[in-house]
Amino acid sequence: MNYKILPTKEFEKDFKKLDSEFQSRIKNKIKKVAENPERYKHLRLDLKKFCRLRIGNLRIIFRYDSEKQELYLEKIVFGHKY
């Protein structure tokens, strides 16, 4: 049961700034997330409908819709300032 992956324009802009090594690591990890996004860490307070994924110093902020089977890639955060 894979979710359909839908990146935002902001995510794509951040993604293009990365070198090819990080891009391939992110692609591989997102494929794993698309299989079962519910198991990843949810954020709190104002961002509680979002989840995060850590890859090295980067954080991928995403959300998902279980009914539509869609995974929305919102933003890449450099460091942990979100």
PDB file of N, CA and C in Angstrom:
ATOM      1  N   MET A   1       0.847  -1.178   0.000  1.00  0.00           N
ATOM      2  CA  MET A   1       0.000   0.000   0.000  1.00  0.00           C
ATOM      3  C   MET A   1       0.892   1.240   0.000  1.00  0.00           C
ATOM      4  N   ASN A   2       1.333   1.660  -1.154  1.00  0.00           N
ATOM      5  CA  ASN A   2       2.175   2.849  -1.270  1.00  0.00           C
ATOM      6  C   ASN A   2       1.328   4.095  -1.444  1.00  0.00           C
ATOM      7  N   TYR A   3       1.766   5.144  -0.818  1.00  0.00           N
ATOM      8  CA  TYR A   3       1.120   6.444  -0.945  1.00  0.00           C
ATOM      9  C   TYR A   3       1.670   7.148  -2.169  1.00  0.00           C
ATOM     10  N   LYS A   4       0.842   7.976  -2.783  1.00  0.00           N
ATOM     11  CA  LYS A   4       1.280   8.800  -3.906  1.00  0.00           C
ATOM     12  C   LYS A   4       2.079   9.970  -3.347  1.00  0.00           C
ATOM     13  N   ILE A   5       3.270  10.224  -3.878  1.00  0.00           N
ATOM     14  CA  ILE A   5       4.170  11.256  -3.359  1.00  0.00           C
ATOM     15  C   ILE A   5       3.938  12.560  -4.121  1.00  0.00           C
ATOM     16  N   LEU A   6       3.615  13.625  -3.381  1.00  0.00           N
ATOM     17  CA  LEU A   6       3.333  14.933  -3.975  1.00  0.00           C
ATOM     18  C   LEU A   6       4.201  15.999  -3.312  1.00  0.00           C
ATOM     19  N   PRO A   7       5.311  16.396  -3.945  1.00  0.00           N
ATOM     20  CA  PRO A   7       6.163  17.445  -3.363  1.00  0.00           C
ATOM     21  C   PRO A   7       5.605  18.841  -3.643  1.00  0.00           C
ATOM     22  N   THR A   8       5.837  19.761  -2.716  1.00  0.00           N
ATOM     23  CA  THR A   8       5.457  21.154  -2.918  1.00  0.00           C
ATOM     24  C   THR A   8       6.560  21.869  -3.687  1.00  0.00           C
ATOM     25  N   LYS A   9       6.264  23.063  -4.178  1.00  0.00           N
ATOM     26  CA  LYS A   9       7.266  23.846  -4.908  1.00  0.00           C
ATOM     27  C   LYS A   9       8.438  24.207  -3.998  1.00  0.00           C
ATOM     28  N   GLU A  10       8.147  24.498  -2.724  1.00  0.00           N
ATOM     29  CA  GLU A  10       9.205  24.833  -1.767  1.00  0.00           C
ATOM     30  C   GLU A  10      10.132  23.640  -1.548  1.00  0.00           C
ATOM     31  N   PHE A  11       9.549  22.445  -1.456  1.00  0.00           N
ATOM     32  CA  PHE A  11      10.352  21.237  -1.295  1.00  0.00           C
ATOM     33  C   PHE A  11      11.249  21.032  -2.519  1.00  0.00           C
ATOM     34  N   GLU A  12      10.690  21.163  -3.705  1.00  0.00           N
ATOM     35  CA  GLU A  12      11.466  20.974  -4.929  1.00  0.00           C
ATOM     36  C   GLU A  12      12.610  21.983  -5.034  1.00  0.00           C
ATOM     37  N   LYS A  13      12.358  23.207  -4.629  1.00  0.00           N
ATOM     38  CA  LYS A  13      13.391  24.258  -4.654  1.00  0.00           C
ATOM     39  C   LYS A  13      14.546  23.893  -3.715  1.00  0.00           C
ATOM     40  N   ASP A  14      14.208  23.462  -2.491  1.00  0.00           N
ATOM     41  CA  ASP A  14      15.231  23.044  -1.529  1.00  0.00           C
ATOM     42  C   ASP A  14      15.973  21.797  -2.012  1.00  0.00           C
ATOM     43  N   PHE A  15      15.234  20.874  -2.628  1.00  0.00           N
ATOM     44  CA  PHE A  15      15.807  19.615  -3.091  1.00  0.00           C
ATOM     45  C   PHE A  15      16.867  19.853  -4.161  1.00  0.00           C
ATOM     46  N   LYS A  16      16.627  20.809  -5.056  1.00  0.00           N
ATOM     47  CA  LYS A  16      17.572  21.104  -6.136  1.00  0.00           C
ATOM     48  C   LYS A  16      18.877  21.693  -5.619  1.00  0.00           C
ATOM     49  N   LYS A  17      18.870  22.294  -4.430  1.00  0.00           N
ATOM     50  CA  LYS A  17      20.074  22.884  -3.846  1.00  0.00           C
ATOM     51  C   LYS A  17      21.047  21.823  -3.322  1.00  0.00           C
ATOM     52  N   LEU A  18      20.562  20.622  -3.096  1.00  0.00           N
ATOM     53  CA  LEU A  18      21.383  19.573  -2.494  1.00  0.00           C
ATOM     54  C   LEU A  18      22.258  18.888  -3.536  1.00  0.00           C
ATOM     55  N   ASP A  19      23.358  18.283  -3.061  1.00  0.00           N
ATOM     56  CA  ASP A  19      24.204  17.526  -3.979  1.00  0.00           C
ATOM     57  C   ASP A  19      23.542  16.179  -4.292  1.00  0.00           C
ATOM     58  N   SER A  20      24.058  15.499  -5.291  1.00  0.00           N
ATOM     59  CA  SER A  20      23.414  14.275  -5.785  1.00  0.00           C
ATOM     60  C   SER A  20      23.398  13.154  -4.738  1.00  0.00           C
ATOM     61  N   GLU A  21      24.390  13.121  -3.852  1.00  0.00           N
ATOM     62  CA  GLU A  21      24.421  12.088  -2.807  1.00  0.00           C
ATOM     63  C   GLU A  21      23.224  12.226  -1.872  1.00  0.00           C
ATOM     64  N   PHE A  22      22.977  13.455  -1.391  1.00  0.00           N
ATOM     65  CA  PHE A  22      21.835  13.685  -0.513  1.00  0.00           C
ATOM     66  C   PHE A  22      20.525  13.468  -1.253  1.00  0.00           C
ATOM     67  N   GLN A  23      20.468  13.848  -2.512  1.00  0.00           N
ATOM     68  CA  GLN A  23      19.242  13.655  -3.284  1.00  0.00           C
ATOM     69  C   GLN A  23      18.881  12.176  -3.378  1.00  0.00           C
ATOM     70  N   SER A  24      19.862  11.333  -3.641  1.00  0.00           N
ATOM     71  CA  SER A  24      19.586   9.898  -3.739  1.00  0.00           C
ATOM     72  C   SER A  24      19.202   9.317  -2.380  1.00  0.00           C
ATOM     73  N   ARG A  25      19.840   9.781  -1.296  1.00  0.00           N
ATOM     74  CA  ARG A  25      19.475   9.313   0.048  1.00  0.00           C
ATOM     75  C   ARG A  25      18.042   9.698   0.389  1.00  0.00           C
ATOM     76  N   ILE A  26      17.662  10.918   0.017  1.00  0.00           N
ATOM     77  CA  ILE A  26      16.304  11.390   0.292  1.00  0.00           C
ATOM     78  C   ILE A  26      15.289  10.590  -0.515  1.00  0.00           C
ATOM     79  N   LYS A  27      15.570  10.345  -1.784  1.00  0.00           N
ATOM     80  CA  LYS A  27      14.648   9.571  -2.621  1.00  0.00           C
ATOM     81  C   LYS A  27      14.423   8.178  -2.051  1.00  0.00           C
ATOM     82  N   ASN A  28      15.506   7.519  -1.637  1.00  0.00           N
ATOM     83  CA  ASN A  28      15.381   6.168  -1.076  1.00  0.00           C
ATOM     84  C   ASN A  28      14.562   6.174   0.209  1.00  0.00           C
ATOM     85  N   LYS A  29      14.820   7.150   1.061  1.00  0.00           N
ATOM     86  CA  LYS A  29      14.100   7.214   2.337  1.00  0.00           C
ATOM     87  C   LYS A  29      12.628   7.548   2.126  1.00  0.00           C
ATOM     88  N   ILE A  30      12.329   8.420   1.180  1.00  0.00           N
ATOM     89  CA  ILE A  30      10.933   8.796   0.925  1.00  0.00           C
ATOM     90  C   ILE A  30      10.148   7.608   0.377  1.00  0.00           C
ATOM     91  N   LYS A  31      10.798   6.748  -0.403  1.00  0.00           N
ATOM     92  CA  LYS A  31      10.128   5.534  -0.882  1.00  0.00           C
ATOM     93  C   LYS A  31       9.718   4.652   0.289  1.00  0.00           C
ATOM     94  N   LYS A  32      10.580   4.562   1.305  1.00  0.00           N
ATOM     95  CA  LYS A  32      10.244   3.785   2.501  1.00  0.00           C
ATOM     96  C   LYS A  32       9.107   4.440   3.278  1.00  0.00           C
ATOM     97  N   VAL A  33       9.133   5.774   3.350  1.00  0.00           N
ATOM     98  CA  VAL A  33       8.077   6.507   4.055  1.00  0.00           C
ATOM     99  C   VAL A  33       6.738   6.302   3.361  1.00  0.00           C
ATOM    100  N   ALA A  34       6.728   6.261   2.043  1.00  0.00           N
ATOM    101  CA  ALA A  34       5.494   6.114   1.272  1.00  0.00           C
ATOM    102  C   ALA A  34       4.800   4.776   1.542  1.00  0.00           C
ATOM    103  N   GLU A  35       5.537   3.798   2.019  1.00  0.00           N
ATOM    104  CA  GLU A  35       4.944   2.512   2.350  1.00  0.00           C
ATOM    105  C   GLU A  35       4.093   2.591   3.617  1.00  0.00           C
ATOM    106  N   ASN A  36       4.562   3.341   4.620  1.00  0.00           N
ATOM    107  CA  ASN A  36       3.823   3.464   5.876  1.00  0.00           C
ATOM    108  C   ASN A  36       4.213   4.765   6.593  1.00  0.00           C
ATOM    109  N   PRO A  37       3.644   5.902   6.214  1.00  0.00           N
ATOM    110  CA  PRO A  37       4.037   7.182   6.810  1.00  0.00           C
ATOM    111  C   PRO A  37       3.549   7.371   8.254  1.00  0.00           C
ATOM    112  N   GLU A  38       2.616   6.552   8.704  1.00  0.00           N
ATOM    113  CA  GLU A  38       2.053   6.711  10.042  1.00  0.00           C
ATOM    114  C   GLU A  38       3.046   6.388  11.146  1.00  0.00           C
ATOM    115  N   ARG A  39       4.085   5.679  10.829  1.00  0.00           N
ATOM    116  CA  ARG A  39       5.033   5.268  11.873  1.00  0.00           C
ATOM    117  C   ARG A  39       6.089   6.313  12.193  1.00  0.00           C
ATOM    118  N   TYR A  40       6.141   7.411  11.452  1.00  0.00           N
ATOM    119  CA  TYR A  40       7.174   8.428  11.666  1.00  0.00           C
ATOM    120  C   TYR A  40       6.723   9.468  12.681  1.00  0.00           C
ATOM    121  N   LYS A  41       7.691  10.154  13.261  1.00  0.00           N
ATOM    122  CA  LYS A  41       7.445  11.061  14.370  1.00  0.00           C
ATOM    123  C   LYS A  41       6.597  12.266  13.962  1.00  0.00           C
ATOM    124  N   HIS A  42       5.533  12.477  14.735  1.00  0.00           N
ATOM    125  CA  HIS A  42       4.666  13.635  14.517  1.00  0.00           C
ATOM    126  C   HIS A  42       5.210  14.830  15.294  1.00  0.00           C
ATOM    127  N   LEU A  43       5.041  16.011  14.728  1.00  0.00           N
ATOM    128  CA  LEU A  43       5.441  17.232  15.414  1.00  0.00           C
ATOM    129  C   LEU A  43       4.346  17.634  16.397  1.00  0.00           C
ATOM    130  N   ARG A  44       4.617  18.647  17.199  1.00  0.00           N
ATOM    131  CA  ARG A  44       3.662  19.043  18.226  1.00  0.00           C
ATOM    132  C   ARG A  44       3.194  20.478  18.030  1.00  0.00           C
ATOM    133  N   LEU A  45       2.256  20.871  18.858  1.00  0.00           N
ATOM    134  CA  LEU A  45       1.688  22.215  18.921  1.00  0.00           C
ATOM    135  C   LEU A  45       1.090  22.639  17.576  1.00  0.00           C
ATOM    136  N   ASP A  46       1.544  23.738  17.004  1.00  0.00           N
ATOM    137  CA  ASP A  46       0.963  24.255  15.762  1.00  0.00           C
ATOM    138  C   ASP A  46       1.225  23.342  14.571  1.00  0.00           C
ATOM    139  N   LEU A  47       2.237  22.527  14.650  1.00  0.00           N
ATOM    140  CA  LEU A  47       2.627  21.661  13.532  1.00  0.00           C
ATOM    141  C   LEU A  47       2.200  20.209  13.736  1.00  0.00           C
ATOM    142  N   LYS A  48       1.189  19.960  14.562  1.00  0.00           N
ATOM    143  CA  LYS A  48       0.868  18.591  14.946  1.00  0.00           C
ATOM    144  C   LYS A  48       0.336  17.725  13.809  1.00  0.00           C
ATOM    145  N   LYS A  49      -0.114  18.309  12.704  1.00  0.00           N
ATOM    146  CA  LYS A  49      -0.549  17.481  11.583  1.00  0.00           C
ATOM    147  C   LYS A  49       0.606  17.120  10.646  1.00  0.00           C
ATOM    148  N   PHE A  50       1.818  17.553  10.980  1.00  0.00           N
ATOM    149  CA  PHE A  50       3.002  17.264  10.184  1.00  0.00           C
ATOM    150  C   PHE A  50       3.878  16.223  10.871  1.00  0.00           C
ATOM    151  N   CYS A  51       4.706  15.565  10.074  1.00  0.00           N
ATOM    152  CA  CYS A  51       5.680  14.605  10.583  1.00  0.00           C
ATOM    153  C   CYS A  51       7.059  15.040  10.120  1.00  0.00           C
ATOM    154  N   ARG A  52       8.078  14.447  10.736  1.00  0.00           N
ATOM    155  CA  ARG A  52       9.434  14.777  10.307  1.00  0.00           C
ATOM    156  C   ARG A  52      10.221  13.505  10.084  1.00  0.00           C
ATOM    157  N   LEU A  53      11.210  13.656   9.237  1.00  0.00           N
ATOM    158  CA  LEU A  53      12.098  12.568   8.886  1.00  0.00           C
ATOM    159  C   LEU A  53      13.509  13.119   8.910  1.00  0.00           C
ATOM    160  N   ARG A  54      14.404  12.452   9.588  1.00  0.00           N
ATOM    161  CA  ARG A  54      15.772  12.948   9.720  1.00  0.00           C
ATOM    162  C   ARG A  54      16.699  12.177   8.794  1.00  0.00           C
ATOM    163  N   ILE A  55      17.499  12.926   8.024  1.00  0.00           N
ATOM    164  CA  ILE A  55      18.531  12.342   7.172  1.00  0.00           C
ATOM    165  C   ILE A  55      19.776  13.196   7.361  1.00  0.00           C
ATOM    166  N   GLY A  56      20.726  12.715   8.139  1.00  0.00           N
ATOM    167  CA  GLY A  56      21.923  13.498   8.461  1.00  0.00           C
ATOM    168  C   GLY A  56      21.526  14.756   9.215  1.00  0.00           C
ATOM    169  N   ASN A  57      21.960  15.917   8.754  1.00  0.00           N
ATOM    170  CA  ASN A  57      21.590  17.193   9.376  1.00  0.00           C
ATOM    171  C   ASN A  57      20.289  17.756   8.827  1.00  0.00           C
ATOM    172  N   LEU A  58      19.697  17.084   7.858  1.00  0.00           N
ATOM    173  CA  LEU A  58      18.475  17.573   7.229  1.00  0.00           C
ATOM    174  C   LEU A  58      17.239  16.988   7.896  1.00  0.00           C
ATOM    175  N   ARG A  59      16.160  17.754   7.865  1.00  0.00           N
ATOM    176  CA  ARG A  59      14.857  17.262   8.309  1.00  0.00           C
ATOM    177  C   ARG A  59      13.893  17.448   7.148  1.00  0.00           C
ATOM    178  N   ILE A  60      13.139  16.424   6.850  1.00  0.00           N
ATOM    179  CA  ILE A  60      12.099  16.496   5.827  1.00  0.00           C
ATOM    180  C   ILE A  60      10.778  16.626   6.581  1.00  0.00           C
ATOM    181  N   ILE A  61      10.048  17.685   6.308  1.00  0.00           N
ATOM    182  CA  ILE A  61       8.740  17.894   6.924  1.00  0.00           C
ATOM    183  C   ILE A  61       7.691  17.437   5.917  1.00  0.00           C
ATOM    184  N   PHE A  62       6.804  16.536   6.362  1.00  0.00           N
ATOM    185  CA  PHE A  62       5.773  16.030   5.462  1.00  0.00           C
ATOM    186  C   PHE A  62       4.478  15.806   6.228  1.00  0.00           C
ATOM    187  N   ARG A  63       3.419  15.629   5.471  1.00  0.00           N
ATOM    188  CA  ARG A  63       2.128  15.236   6.038  1.00  0.00           C
ATOM    189  C   ARG A  63       1.506  14.224   5.089  1.00  0.00           C
ATOM    190  N   TYR A  64       0.499  13.529   5.549  1.00  0.00           N
ATOM    191  CA  TYR A  64      -0.117  12.503   4.724  1.00  0.00           C
ATOM    192  C   TYR A  64      -1.623  12.494   4.936  1.00  0.00           C
ATOM    193  N   ASP A  65      -2.315  11.968   3.942  1.00  0.00           N
ATOM    194  CA  ASP A  65      -3.760  11.814   3.997  1.00  0.00           C
ATOM    195  C   ASP A  65      -4.057  10.336   3.783  1.00  0.00           C
ATOM    196  N   SER A  66      -4.510   9.668   4.829  1.00  0.00           N
ATOM    197  CA  SER A  66      -4.749   8.224   4.767  1.00  0.00           C
ATOM    198  C   SER A  66      -5.904   7.870   3.842  1.00  0.00           C
ATOM    199  N   GLU A  67      -6.909   8.711   3.795  1.00  0.00           N
ATOM    200  CA  GLU A  67      -8.067   8.418   2.955  1.00  0.00           C
ATOM    201  C   GLU A  67      -7.730   8.488   1.467  1.00  0.00           C
ATOM    202  N   LYS A  68      -6.969   9.512   1.072  1.00  0.00           N
ATOM    203  CA  LYS A  68      -6.591   9.691  -0.335  1.00  0.00           C
ATOM    204  C   LYS A  68      -5.336   8.925  -0.706  1.00  0.00           C
ATOM    205  N   GLN A  69      -4.633   8.378   0.293  1.00  0.00           N
ATOM    206  CA  GLN A  69      -3.365   7.672   0.079  1.00  0.00           C
ATOM    207  C   GLN A  69      -2.340   8.596  -0.585  1.00  0.00           C
ATOM    208  N   GLU A  70      -2.193   9.823  -0.041  1.00  0.00           N
ATOM    209  CA  GLU A  70      -1.259  10.797  -0.589  1.00  0.00           C
ATOM    210  C   GLU A  70      -0.275  11.254   0.489  1.00  0.00           C
ATOM    211  N   LEU A  71       0.967  11.422   0.088  1.00  0.00           N
ATOM    212  CA  LEU A  71       2.043  11.888   0.959  1.00  0.00           C
ATOM    213  C   LEU A  71       2.518  13.235   0.416  1.00  0.00           C
ATOM    214  N   TYR A  72       2.406  14.287   1.225  1.00  0.00           N
ATOM    215  CA  TYR A  72       2.763  15.639   0.809  1.00  0.00           C
ATOM    216  C   TYR A  72       4.109  16.008   1.407  1.00  0.00           C
ATOM    217  N   LEU A  73       5.108  16.211   0.576  1.00  0.00           N
ATOM    218  CA  LEU A  73       6.437  16.630   1.033  1.00  0.00           C
ATOM    219  C   LEU A  73       6.434  18.146   1.097  1.00  0.00           C
ATOM    220  N   GLU A  74       6.547  18.707   2.300  1.00  0.00           N
ATOM    221  CA  GLU A  74       6.371  20.132   2.507  1.00  0.00           C
ATOM    222  C   GLU A  74       7.661  20.937   2.395  1.00  0.00           C
ATOM    223  N   LYS A  75       8.703  20.507   3.105  1.00  0.00           N
ATOM    224  CA  LYS A  75       9.888  21.353   3.213  1.00  0.00           C
ATOM    225  C   LYS A  75      11.094  20.535   3.640  1.00  0.00           C
ATOM    226  N   ILE A  76      12.278  21.010   3.245  1.00  0.00           N
ATOM    227  CA  ILE A  76      13.538  20.463   3.753  1.00  0.00           C
ATOM    228  C   ILE A  76      14.114  21.526   4.671  1.00  0.00           C
ATOM    229  N   VAL A  77      14.392  21.137   5.901  1.00  0.00           N
ATOM    230  CA  VAL A  77      14.942  22.063   6.886  1.00  0.00           C
ATOM    231  C   VAL A  77      16.399  21.703   7.101  1.00  0.00           C
ATOM    232  N   PHE A  78      17.263  22.688   6.977  1.00  0.00           N
ATOM    233  CA  PHE A  78      18.693  22.481   7.175  1.00  0.00           C
ATOM    234  C   PHE A  78      18.999  22.735   8.641  1.00  0.00           C
ATOM    235  N   GLY A  79      19.524  21.717   9.316  1.00  0.00           N
ATOM    236  CA  GLY A  79      19.693  21.801  10.762  1.00  0.00           C
ATOM    237  C   GLY A  79      18.401  21.333  11.403  1.00  0.00           C
ATOM    238  N   HIS A  80      18.016  21.964  12.495  1.00  0.00           N
ATOM    239  CA  HIS A  80      16.758  21.588  13.130  1.00  0.00           C
ATOM    240  C   HIS A  80      15.964  22.803  13.577  1.00  0.00           C
ATOM    241  N   LYS A  81      15.894  23.802  12.721  1.00  0.00           N
ATOM    242  CA  LYS A  81      15.159  25.012  13.042  1.00  0.00           C
ATOM    243  C   LYS A  81      13.809  24.989  12.339  1.00  0.00           C
ATOM    244  N   TYR A  82      12.835  24.409  12.976  1.00  0.00           N
ATOM    245  CA  TYR A  82      11.482  24.377  12.400  1.00  0.00           C
ATOM    246  C   TYR A  82      10.440  24.643  13.389  1.00  0.00           C
TER     247      TYR A  82
END
